C-alpha atoms as a PDB file:
ATOM      1  CA  MET A   1      -4.348  24.823   1.394  1.00  0.00           C
ATOM      2  CA  THR A   2      -7.767  24.021   2.864  1.00  0.00           C
ATOM      3  CA  LEU A   3      -9.282  23.694  -0.620  1.00  0.00           C
ATOM      4  CA  LEU A   4      -6.354  21.558  -1.787  1.00  0.00           C
ATOM      5  CA  ALA A   5      -6.643  19.277   1.242  1.00  0.00           C
ATOM      6  CA  GLY A   6     -10.378  18.917   0.646  1.00  0.00           C
ATOM      7  CA  LEU A   7      -9.809  18.097  -3.033  1.00  0.00           C
ATOM      8  CA  VAL A   8      -7.154  15.511  -2.185  1.00  0.00           C
ATOM      9  CA  GLY A   9      -9.395  13.932   0.429  1.00  0.00           C
ATOM     10  CA  LEU A  10     -12.369  13.715  -1.939  1.00  0.00           C
ATOM     11  CA  THR A  11     -10.243  12.238  -4.736  1.00  0.00           C
ATOM     12  CA  ALA A  12      -8.730   9.668  -2.389  1.00  0.00           C
ATOM     13  CA  ALA A  13     -12.184   8.745  -1.068  1.00  0.00           C
ATOM     14  CA  ALA A  14     -13.551   8.264  -4.596  1.00  0.00           C
ATOM     15  CA  GLY A  15     -10.527   6.138  -5.509  1.00  0.00           C
ATOM     16  CA  ALA A  16     -11.000   3.963  -2.441  1.00  0.00           C
ATOM     17  CA  LEU A  17     -14.680   3.446  -3.282  1.00  0.00           C
ATOM     18  CA  LEU A  18     -13.877   2.466  -6.868  1.00  0.00           C
ATOM     19  CA  LEU A  19     -11.168   0.075  -5.658  1.00  0.00           C
ATOM     20  CA  ALA A  20     -13.538  -1.541  -3.165  1.00  0.00           C
ATOM     21  CA  ASP A  21     -16.209  -1.940  -5.839  1.00  0.00           C
ATOM     22  CA  GLY A  22     -13.713  -3.513  -8.235  1.00  0.00           C
ATOM     23  CA  LEU A  23     -12.614  -6.026  -5.620  1.00  0.00           C
ATOM     24  CA  ARG A  24     -16.193  -6.961  -4.692  1.00  0.00           C
ATOM     25  CA  ARG A  25     -17.592  -7.471  -8.183  1.00  0.00           C
ATOM     26  CA  ARG A  26     -16.594  -9.739 -11.045  1.00  0.00           C
ATOM     27  CA  ALA A  27     -15.668  -8.249 -14.350  1.00  0.00           C
ATOM     28  CA  ARG A  28     -18.620  -7.972 -16.715  1.00  0.00           C
ATOM     29  CA  PRO A  29     -18.530  -8.127 -20.498  1.00  0.00           C
ATOM     30  CA  PHE A  30     -18.449  -4.791 -22.275  1.00  0.00           C
ATOM     31  CA  VAL A  31     -21.882  -3.515 -23.218  1.00  0.00           C
ATOM     32  CA  ALA A  32     -22.112  -0.802 -25.812  1.00  0.00           C
ATOM     33  CA  THR A  33     -25.525   0.475 -24.705  1.00  0.00           C
ATOM     34  CA  ARG A  34     -25.716   3.034 -21.925  1.00  0.00           C
ATOM     35  CA  ARG A  35     -27.150   1.742 -18.685  1.00  0.00           C
ATOM     36  CA  GLU A  36     -28.049   3.409 -15.421  1.00  0.00           C
ATOM     37  CA  LEU A  37     -26.313   2.452 -12.215  1.00  0.00           C
ATOM     38  CA  PRO A  38     -28.152  -0.141 -10.111  1.00  0.00           C
ATOM     39  CA  PRO A  39     -30.103   1.433  -7.228  1.00  0.00           C
ATOM     40  CA  GLU A  40     -27.934  -0.263  -4.614  1.00  0.00           C
ATOM     41  CA  LEU A  41     -24.709   1.007  -6.204  1.00  0.00           C
ATOM     42  CA  SER A  42     -26.152   4.499  -6.561  1.00  0.00           C
ATOM     43  CA  ARG A  43     -27.142   4.518  -2.894  1.00  0.00           C
ATOM     44  CA  ARG A  44     -23.682   3.332  -1.850  1.00  0.00           C
ATOM     45  CA  LEU A  45     -21.991   6.025  -3.919  1.00  0.00           C
ATOM     46  CA  LEU A  46     -24.259   8.727  -2.531  1.00  0.00           C
ATOM     47  CA  VAL A  47     -23.710   7.716   1.096  1.00  0.00           C
ATOM     48  CA  GLY A  48     -19.975   7.159   0.601  1.00  0.00           C
ATOM     49  CA  VAL A  49     -19.381  10.500  -1.101  1.00  0.00           C
ATOM     50  CA  ALA A  50     -21.509  12.333   1.483  1.00  0.00           C
ATOM     51  CA  ALA A  51     -19.584  10.729   4.339  1.00  0.00           C
ATOM     52  CA  GLY A  52     -16.253  11.478   2.663  1.00  0.00           C
ATOM     53  CA  MET A  53     -17.198  15.125   2.141  1.00  0.00           C
ATOM     54  CA  THR A  54     -18.220  15.336   5.787  1.00  0.00           C
ATOM     55  CA  GLY A  55     -14.828  13.981   6.807  1.00  0.00           C
ATOM     56  CA  VAL A  56     -13.093  16.585   4.639  1.00  0.00           C
ATOM     57  CA  VAL A  57     -15.125  19.463   6.051  1.00  0.00           C
ATOM     58  CA  LEU A  58     -14.643  18.428   9.672  1.00  0.00           C
ATOM     59  CA  THR A  59     -10.958  17.451   9.633  1.00  0.00           C
ATOM     60  CA  ARG A  60      -9.274  18.527   6.356  1.00  0.00           C
ATOM     61  CA  TRP A  61      -7.454  15.176   6.529  1.00  0.00           C
ATOM     62  CA  PRO A  62      -7.297  12.807   3.523  1.00  0.00           C
ATOM     63  CA  VAL A  63      -7.149   9.717   5.749  1.00  0.00           C
ATOM     64  CA  ALA A  64     -10.235  10.801   7.681  1.00  0.00           C
ATOM     65  CA  ALA A  65     -12.076  11.424   4.410  1.00  0.00           C
ATOM     66  CA  ILE A  66     -11.206   7.942   3.142  1.00  0.00           C
ATOM     67  CA  ALA A  67     -12.222   6.335   6.434  1.00  0.00           C
ATOM     68  CA  ALA A  68     -15.560   8.188   6.465  1.00  0.00           C
ATOM     69  CA  ALA A  69     -16.226   7.304   2.832  1.00  0.00           C
ATOM     70  CA  GLY A  70     -15.458   3.648   3.494  1.00  0.00           C
ATOM     71  CA  LEU A  71     -17.764   3.620   6.504  1.00  0.00           C
ATOM     72  CA  GLY A  72     -20.542   5.115   4.391  1.00  0.00           C
ATOM     73  CA  TRP A  73     -19.935   2.661   1.547  1.00  0.00           C
ATOM     74  CA  PHE A  74     -20.158  -0.402   3.795  1.00  0.00           C
ATOM     75  CA  SER A  75     -22.943   0.976   6.005  1.00  0.00           C
ATOM     76  CA  THR A  76     -25.404  -1.540   4.532  1.00  0.00           C
ATOM     77  CA  GLU A  77     -23.315  -4.501   5.668  1.00  0.00           C
ATOM     78  CA  LEU A  78     -22.614  -2.968   9.073  1.00  0.00           C
ATOM     79  CA  PHE A  79     -26.041  -1.653   9.997  1.00  0.00           C
ATOM     80  CA  GLY A  80     -28.396  -3.614   7.757  1.00  0.00           C
ATOM     81  CA  GLY A  81     -28.573  -6.911   5.914  1.00  0.00           C
ATOM     82  CA  LYS A  82     -31.563  -8.390   7.782  1.00  0.00           C
ATOM     83  CA  ALA A  83     -33.812  -8.090   4.743  1.00  0.00           C
ATOM     84  CA  ALA A  84     -31.206  -9.774   2.539  1.00  0.00           C
ATOM     85  CA  ARG A  85     -30.836 -12.670   4.989  1.00  0.00           C
ATOM     86  CA  GLU A  86     -34.582 -13.133   5.211  1.00  0.00           C
ATOM     87  CA  ARG A  87     -34.861 -12.988   1.425  1.00  0.00           C
ATOM     88  CA  ALA A  88     -32.182 -15.675   1.013  1.00  0.00           C
ATOM     89  CA  ILE A  89     -33.954 -17.989   3.463  1.00  0.00           C
ATOM     90  CA  ALA A  90     -37.296 -17.350   1.747  1.00  0.00           C
ATOM     91  CA  ARG A  91     -35.816 -18.233  -1.655  1.00  0.00           C
ATOM     92  CA  THR A  92     -34.372 -21.473  -0.302  1.00  0.00           C
ATOM     93  CA  GLU A  93     -37.744 -22.470   1.158  1.00  0.00           C
ATOM     94  CA  ALA A  94     -39.445 -21.431  -2.089  1.00  0.00           C
ATOM     95  CA  ILE A  95     -37.145 -23.697  -4.112  1.00  0.00           C
ATOM     96  CA  ALA A  96     -38.033 -26.579  -1.774  1.00  0.00           C
ATOM     97  CA  SER A  97     -41.767 -25.874  -2.127  1.00  0.00           C
ATOM     98  CA  TRP A  98     -41.579 -25.603  -5.917  1.00  0.00           C
ATOM     99  CA  THR A  99     -39.587 -28.840  -6.112  1.00  0.00           C
ATOM    100  CA  GLU A 100     -42.287 -30.633  -4.115  1.00  0.00           C
ATOM    101  CA  MET A 101     -44.941 -28.996  -6.266  1.00  0.00           C
ATOM    102  CA  LEU A 102     -43.187 -30.174  -9.413  1.00  0.00           C
ATOM    103  CA  ARG A 103     -42.890 -33.685  -7.984  1.00  0.00           C
ATOM    104  CA  ASP A 104     -46.622 -33.831  -7.290  1.00  0.00           C
ATOM    105  CA  THR A 105     -47.513 -32.335 -10.675  1.00  0.00           C
ATOM    106  CA  LEU A 106     -45.485 -34.912 -12.586  1.00  0.00           C
ATOM    107  CA  SER A 107     -47.922 -37.697 -11.689  1.00  0.00           C
ATOM    108  CA  GLY A 108     -50.794 -35.967 -13.528  1.00  0.00           C
ATOM    109  CA  ALA A 109     -48.871 -34.271 -16.344  1.00  0.00           C
ATOM    110  CA  HIS A 110     -47.956 -35.693 -19.738  1.00  0.00           C
ATOM    111  CA  GLY A 111     -44.325 -34.741 -19.445  1.00  0.00           C
ATOM    112  CA  LEU A 112     -41.726 -32.699 -17.621  1.00  0.00           C
ATOM    113  CA  GLU A 113     -42.261 -29.585 -19.715  1.00  0.00           C
ATOM    114  CA  GLU A 114     -46.007 -29.616 -19.104  1.00  0.00           C
ATOM    115  CA  ALA A 115     -45.420 -30.075 -15.368  1.00  0.00           C
ATOM    116  CA  ILE A 116     -43.097 -27.042 -15.286  1.00  0.00           C
ATOM    117  CA  ILE A 117     -45.568 -24.862 -17.226  1.00  0.00           C
ATOM    118  CA  THR A 118     -48.407 -25.927 -14.932  1.00  0.00           C
ATOM    119  CA  SER A 119     -46.405 -25.196 -11.779  1.00  0.00           C
ATOM    120  CA  ALA A 120     -45.508 -21.673 -12.957  1.00  0.00           C
ATOM    121  CA  GLU A 121     -48.999 -20.389 -12.182  1.00  0.00           C
ATOM    122  CA  VAL A 122     -48.825 -21.404  -8.512  1.00  0.00           C
ATOM    123  CA  ALA A 123     -45.075 -21.169  -7.866  1.00  0.00           C
ATOM    124  CA  PRO A 124     -43.967 -19.609  -4.539  1.00  0.00           C
ATOM    125  CA  THR A 125     -43.814 -15.833  -4.639  1.00  0.00           C
ATOM    126  CA  ALA A 126     -40.070 -15.658  -3.910  1.00  0.00           C
ATOM    127  CA  ILE A 127     -39.162 -17.456  -7.163  1.00  0.00           C
ATOM    128  CA  ARG A 128     -42.323 -16.985  -9.242  1.00  0.00           C
ATOM    129  CA  PRO A 129     -40.684 -14.557 -11.734  1.00  0.00           C
ATOM    130  CA  GLU A 130     -37.897 -17.072 -12.433  1.00  0.00           C
ATOM    131  CA  VAL A 131     -40.301 -20.001 -12.829  1.00  0.00           C
ATOM    132  CA  THR A 132     -42.576 -17.931 -15.083  1.00  0.00           C
ATOM    133  CA  SER A 133     -39.598 -17.017 -17.267  1.00  0.00           C
ATOM    134  CA  LEU A 134     -38.709 -20.708 -17.467  1.00  0.00           C
ATOM    135  CA  ALA A 135     -42.237 -21.579 -18.616  1.00  0.00           C
ATOM    136  CA  ILE A 136     -42.090 -18.865 -21.279  1.00  0.00           C
ATOM    137  CA  ARG A 137     -38.698 -20.064 -22.542  1.00  0.00           C
ATOM    138  CA  LEU A 138     -40.000 -23.615 -22.886  1.00  0.00           C
ATOM    139  CA  GLU A 139     -42.355 -22.405 -25.608  1.00  0.00           C
ATOM    140  CA  ARG A 140     -39.449 -21.475 -27.886  1.00  0.00           C
ATOM    141  CA  ASP A 141     -36.274 -23.138 -26.534  1.00  0.00           C
ATOM    142  CA  PRO A 142     -35.263 -26.758 -25.876  1.00  0.00           C
ATOM    143  CA  LEU A 143     -35.655 -27.937 -22.293  1.00  0.00           C
ATOM    144  CA  ASP A 144     -31.929 -28.140 -21.507  1.00  0.00           C
ATOM    145  CA  ARG A 145     -31.267 -24.598 -22.732  1.00  0.00           C
ATOM    146  CA  ALA A 146     -34.252 -23.215 -20.831  1.00  0.00           C
ATOM    147  CA  LEU A 147     -33.034 -24.940 -17.659  1.00  0.00           C
ATOM    148  CA  GLU A 148     -29.581 -23.399 -18.077  1.00  0.00           C
ATOM    149  CA  SER A 149     -31.132 -19.925 -18.150  1.00  0.00           C
ATOM    150  CA  PHE A 150     -33.310 -20.876 -15.171  1.00  0.00           C
ATOM    151  CA  ALA A 151     -30.216 -21.797 -13.148  1.00  0.00           C
ATOM    152  CA  GLU A 152     -28.666 -18.421 -13.982  1.00  0.00           C
ATOM    153  CA  ASP A 153     -31.820 -16.609 -12.873  1.00  0.00           C
ATOM    154  CA  LEU A 154     -32.025 -18.475  -9.562  1.00  0.00           C
ATOM    155  CA  ALA A 155     -28.260 -18.235  -8.845  1.00  0.00           C
ATOM    156  CA  HIS A 156     -28.740 -20.579  -5.888  1.00  0.00           C
ATOM    157  CA  PRO A 157     -26.853 -23.786  -4.924  1.00  0.00           C
ATOM    158  CA  SER A 158     -30.102 -25.682  -4.234  1.00  0.00           C
ATOM    159  CA  GLY A 159     -31.473 -24.431  -7.529  1.00  0.00           C
ATOM    160  CA  ASP A 160     -28.426 -25.873  -9.284  1.00  0.00           C
ATOM    161  CA  LEU A 161     -29.202 -29.293  -7.799  1.00  0.00           C
ATOM    162  CA  VAL A 162     -32.804 -29.160  -8.997  1.00  0.00           C
ATOM    163  CA  VAL A 163     -31.787 -27.972 -12.466  1.00  0.00           C
ATOM    164  CA  THR A 164     -29.218 -30.764 -12.727  1.00  0.00           C
ATOM    165  CA  ALA A 165     -31.827 -33.363 -11.735  1.00  0.00           C
ATOM    166  CA  LEU A 166     -34.298 -32.034 -14.302  1.00  0.00           C
ATOM    167  CA  THR A 167     -31.638 -31.923 -17.018  1.00  0.00           C
ATOM    168  CA  LEU A 168     -30.621 -35.523 -16.342  1.00  0.00           C
ATOM    169  CA  ALA A 169     -34.262 -36.589 -16.289  1.00  0.00           C
ATOM    170  CA  ALA A 170     -34.851 -34.912 -19.654  1.00  0.00           C
ATOM    171  CA  GLY A 171     -32.021 -37.038 -21.073  1.00  0.00           C
ATOM    172  CA  GLY A 172     -33.401 -40.237 -19.550  1.00  0.00           C
ATOM    173  CA  ALA A 173     -30.584 -40.615 -17.019  1.00  0.00           C
ATOM    174  CA  VAL A 174     -32.870 -40.602 -13.951  1.00  0.00           C
ATOM    175  CA  GLY A 175     -34.973 -43.613 -13.076  1.00  0.00           C
ATOM    176  CA  ASP A 176     -37.368 -42.164 -10.478  1.00  0.00           C
ATOM    177  CA  LEU A 177     -37.490 -38.381 -10.827  1.00  0.00           C
ATOM    178  CA  SER A 178     -40.254 -37.969  -8.241  1.00  0.00           C
ATOM    179  CA  GLU A 179     -38.185 -39.613  -5.520  1.00  0.00           C
ATOM    180  CA  LEU A 180     -35.131 -37.546  -6.454  1.00  0.00           C
ATOM    181  CA  LEU A 181     -37.110 -34.292  -6.364  1.00  0.00           C
ATOM    182  CA  GLY A 182     -38.505 -35.234  -2.962  1.00  0.00           C
ATOM    183  CA  THR A 183     -34.986 -35.786  -1.645  1.00  0.00           C
ATOM    184  CA  LEU A 184     -33.809 -32.434  -3.041  1.00  0.00           C
ATOM    185  CA  ALA A 185     -36.783 -30.676  -1.464  1.00  0.00           C
ATOM    186  CA  VAL A 186     -35.955 -32.154   1.950  1.00  0.00           C
ATOM    187  CA  SER A 187     -32.338 -31.067   1.516  1.00  0.00           C
ATOM    188  CA  ALA A 188     -33.382 -27.498   0.649  1.00  0.00           C
ATOM    189  CA  ARG A 189     -35.652 -27.280   3.686  1.00  0.00           C
ATOM    190  CA  GLU A 190     -32.859 -28.532   5.932  1.00  0.00           C
ATOM    191  CA  GLU A 191     -30.572 -25.842   4.499  1.00  0.00           C
ATOM    192  CA  ALA A 192     -33.168 -23.153   5.226  1.00  0.00           C
ATOM    193  CA  ALA A 193     -33.590 -24.435   8.803  1.00  0.00           C
ATOM    194  CA  MET A 194     -29.825 -24.480   9.274  1.00  0.00           C
ATOM    195  CA  ARG A 195     -29.554 -20.889   8.049  1.00  0.00           C
ATOM    196  CA  LEU A 196     -32.213 -19.846  10.547  1.00  0.00           C
ATOM    197  CA  ARG A 197     -30.270 -21.480  13.385  1.00  0.00           C
ATOM    198  CA  VAL A 198     -26.983 -19.915  12.283  1.00  0.00           C
ATOM    199  CA  ASP A 199     -28.619 -16.502  11.893  1.00  0.00           C
ATOM    200  CA  ALA A 200     -30.016 -16.671  15.426  1.00  0.00           C
ATOM    201  CA  ALA A 201     -26.711 -17.867  16.900  1.00  0.00           C
ATOM    202  CA  ARG A 202     -24.722 -15.043  15.295  1.00  0.00           C
ATOM    203  CA  ALA A 203     -27.154 -12.226  16.063  1.00  0.00           C
ATOM    204  CA  ARG A 204     -25.115 -11.223  19.132  1.00  0.00           C
ATOM    205  CA  LEU A 205     -21.938 -10.975  17.060  1.00  0.00           C
ATOM    206  CA  ARG A 206     -23.647  -8.738  14.495  1.00  0.00           C
ATOM    207  CA  THR A 207     -24.854  -6.522  17.322  1.00  0.00           C
ATOM    208  CA  ALA A 208     -21.293  -6.279  18.650  1.00  0.00           C
ATOM    209  CA  VAL A 209     -20.066  -5.184  15.207  1.00  0.00           C
ATOM    210  CA  ARG A 210     -22.671  -2.410  15.066  1.00  0.00           C
ATOM    211  CA  VAL A 211     -21.902  -1.249  18.609  1.00  0.00           C
ATOM    212  CA  ILE A 212     -18.150  -1.121  17.937  1.00  0.00           C
ATOM    213  CA  ALA A 213     -18.632   0.831  14.706  1.00  0.00           C
ATOM    214  CA  VAL A 214     -21.068   3.332  16.227  1.00  0.00           C
ATOM    215  CA  VAL A 215     -19.080   3.900  19.438  1.00  0.00           C
ATOM    216  CA  THR A 216     -15.840   4.413  17.512  1.00  0.00           C
ATOM    217  CA  ALA A 217     -17.448   6.833  15.061  1.00  0.00           C
ATOM    218  CA  VAL A 218     -19.173   8.805  17.842  1.00  0.00           C
ATOM    219  CA  THR A 219     -15.949   8.964  19.873  1.00  0.00           C
ATOM    220  CA  ALA A 220     -13.971  10.263  16.899  1.00  0.00           C
ATOM    221  CA  LEU A 221     -16.672  12.817  16.082  1.00  0.00           C
ATOM    222  CA  GLY A 222     -16.809  13.955  19.696  1.00  0.00           C
ATOM    223  CA  LEU A 223     -13.058  14.503  19.820  1.00  0.00           C
ATOM    224  CA  ILE A 224     -13.161  16.456  16.562  1.00  0.00           C
ATOM    225  CA  LEU A 225     -15.964  18.737  17.734  1.00  0.00           C
ATOM    226  CA  LEU A 226     -15.172  19.075  21.452  1.00  0.00           C
ATOM    227  CA  ASN A 227     -11.420  18.562  21.855  1.00  0.00           C
ATOM    228  CA  ARG A 228      -9.778  19.345  18.549  1.00  0.00           C
ATOM    229  CA  PRO A 229      -6.345  20.261  20.024  1.00  0.00           C
ATOM    230  CA  TYR A 230      -6.035  16.668  21.257  1.00  0.00           C
ATOM    231  CA  LEU A 231      -6.023  15.527  17.605  1.00  0.00           C
ATOM    232  CA  ASP A 232      -3.693  18.171  16.194  1.00  0.00           C
ATOM    233  CA  VAL A 233      -0.807  15.723  16.357  1.00  0.00           C
ATOM    234  CA  TYR A 234      -2.426  13.789  13.489  1.00  0.00           C
ATOM    235  CA  GLY A 235      -2.478  16.830  11.204  1.00  0.00           C
ATOM    236  CA  GLY A 236       1.070  16.422   9.843  1.00  0.00           C
ATOM    237  CA  PRO A 237       2.361  13.854   7.330  1.00  0.00           C
ATOM    238  CA  ILE A 238       3.648  11.499  10.044  1.00  0.00           C
ATOM    239  CA  GLY A 239       0.398  11.885  11.966  1.00  0.00           C
ATOM    240  CA  GLN A 240      -1.584  11.029   8.849  1.00  0.00           C
ATOM    241  CA  LEU A 241       0.554   7.934   8.339  1.00  0.00           C
ATOM    242  CA  VAL A 242      -0.029   6.808  11.922  1.00  0.00           C
ATOM    243  CA  LEU A 243      -3.753   7.524  11.551  1.00  0.00           C
ATOM    244  CA  ALA A 244      -3.844   5.475   8.352  1.00  0.00           C
ATOM    245  CA  VAL A 245      -2.345   2.498  10.216  1.00  0.00           C
ATOM    246  CA  VAL A 246      -4.888   2.897  13.018  1.00  0.00           C
ATOM    247  CA  VAL A 247      -7.806   3.168  10.587  1.00  0.00           C
ATOM    248  CA  ALA A 248      -6.597   0.166   8.555  1.00  0.00           C
ATOM    249  CA  THR A 249      -6.243  -1.947  11.704  1.00  0.00           C
ATOM    250  CA  TRP A 250      -9.686  -0.934  12.942  1.00  0.00           C
ATOM    251  CA  ALA A 251     -11.292  -1.557   9.533  1.00  0.00           C
ATOM    252  CA  GLY A 252      -9.619  -4.955   9.201  1.00  0.00           C
ATOM    253  CA  ALA A 253     -10.797  -6.064  12.637  1.00  0.00           C
ATOM    254  CA  LEU A 254     -14.312  -4.813  11.961  1.00  0.00           C
ATOM    255  CA  TRP A 255     -14.424  -6.611   8.588  1.00  0.00           C
ATOM    256  CA  TRP A 256     -13.220  -9.819  10.234  1.00  0.00           C
ATOM    257  CA  LEU A 257     -15.950  -9.656  12.882  1.00  0.00           C
ATOM    258  CA  HIS A 258     -18.527  -8.892  10.203  1.00  0.00           C
ATOM    259  CA  ARG A 259     -17.404 -11.863   8.121  1.00  0.00           C
ATOM    260  CA  MET A 260     -17.593 -14.162  11.148  1.00  0.00           C
ATOM    261  CA  SER A 261     -21.202 -13.111  11.775  1.00  0.00           C
ATOM    262  CA  HIS A 262     -22.491 -14.138   8.346  1.00  0.00           C
ATOM    263  CA  PHE A 263     -23.543 -17.457   6.897  1.00  0.00           C
ATOM    264  CA  LEU A 264     -21.149 -18.726   4.232  1.00  0.00           C
ATOM    265  CA  THR A 265     -23.288 -19.841   1.304  1.00  0.00           C
ATOM    266  CA  PRO A 266     -22.063 -23.029  -0.426  1.00  0.00           C
ATOM    267  CA  ASP A 267     -20.446 -22.430  -3.789  1.00  0.00           C
ATOM    268  CA  ARG A 268     -22.537 -23.098  -6.870  1.00  0.00           C
ATOM    269  CA  PHE A 269     -21.312 -25.939  -9.046  1.00  0.00           C
ATOM    270  CA  LEU A 270     -22.960 -24.597 -12.209  1.00  0.00           C
ATOM    271  CA  ALA A 271     -21.132 -21.763 -13.941  1.00  0.00           C
ATOM    272  CA  PRO A 272     -23.141 -18.759 -15.187  1.00  0.00           C
ATOM    273  CA  ASN A 273     -23.233 -20.292 -18.668  1.00  0.00           C
ATOM    274  CA  GLY A 274     -24.658 -23.542 -17.279  1.00  0.00           C
ATOM    275  CA  ARG A 275     -21.485 -25.640 -17.334  1.00  0.00           C
ATOM    276  CA  ALA A 276     -19.968 -27.297 -14.300  1.00  0.00           C
ATOM    277  CA  GLN A 277     -17.243 -25.363 -12.555  1.00  0.00           C
END
């Protein structure tokens, strides 16, 4: 029975992880070639499975295994994310700097394509790979097609605005491109400054989310290790059902607090294939 309970718990935990991953990611086109899992997904799976196995060993309860696996899967969002926030702000500022750089280069270049190629060598570090790829594509692809791929690489709302301005300028639909690029650069810098202010204002809420998660997990672990008879009531089918309701309520509240503590990025208006959404 112990082995069966452990197997059921592990299977349920794996199913919950796969369901969560399916809900978080968009469907991708089928690729025949074999590819390795991304490092982030591999790390999530490793932590989630390890936490789920720990829950099985300590409690023999399927619900506890699923809860532990879910906590391990979302540990990055709960206890990390600072690097990702800083990277997003740095990319926004880099787009603003490159836009200003492109505006200044246009006055001495013989065309938009030459200005882009020239700016690739001194582009900000945060977006230099994307700008370099754009310069390489310009050697073999038309400007509009290269800009579409550039927008996909950046995957950033401010980048979409810059790409749209450059595309319209390439078609002769923009009178003063330098002035427009200057305006877009100011807008991108204001967005980066706003994200910094929002990040600082919500730091206390993120701390509260971490404290709640850690205190709850430590309390549950302490009861399991030090006062197991107090939890025996949850061992039966009805107890597992009640525990599932408690865990779902706790997880929903924690997710809500986590969502409130994060900056909501504006939606992109360019689809992945470069068309307007």
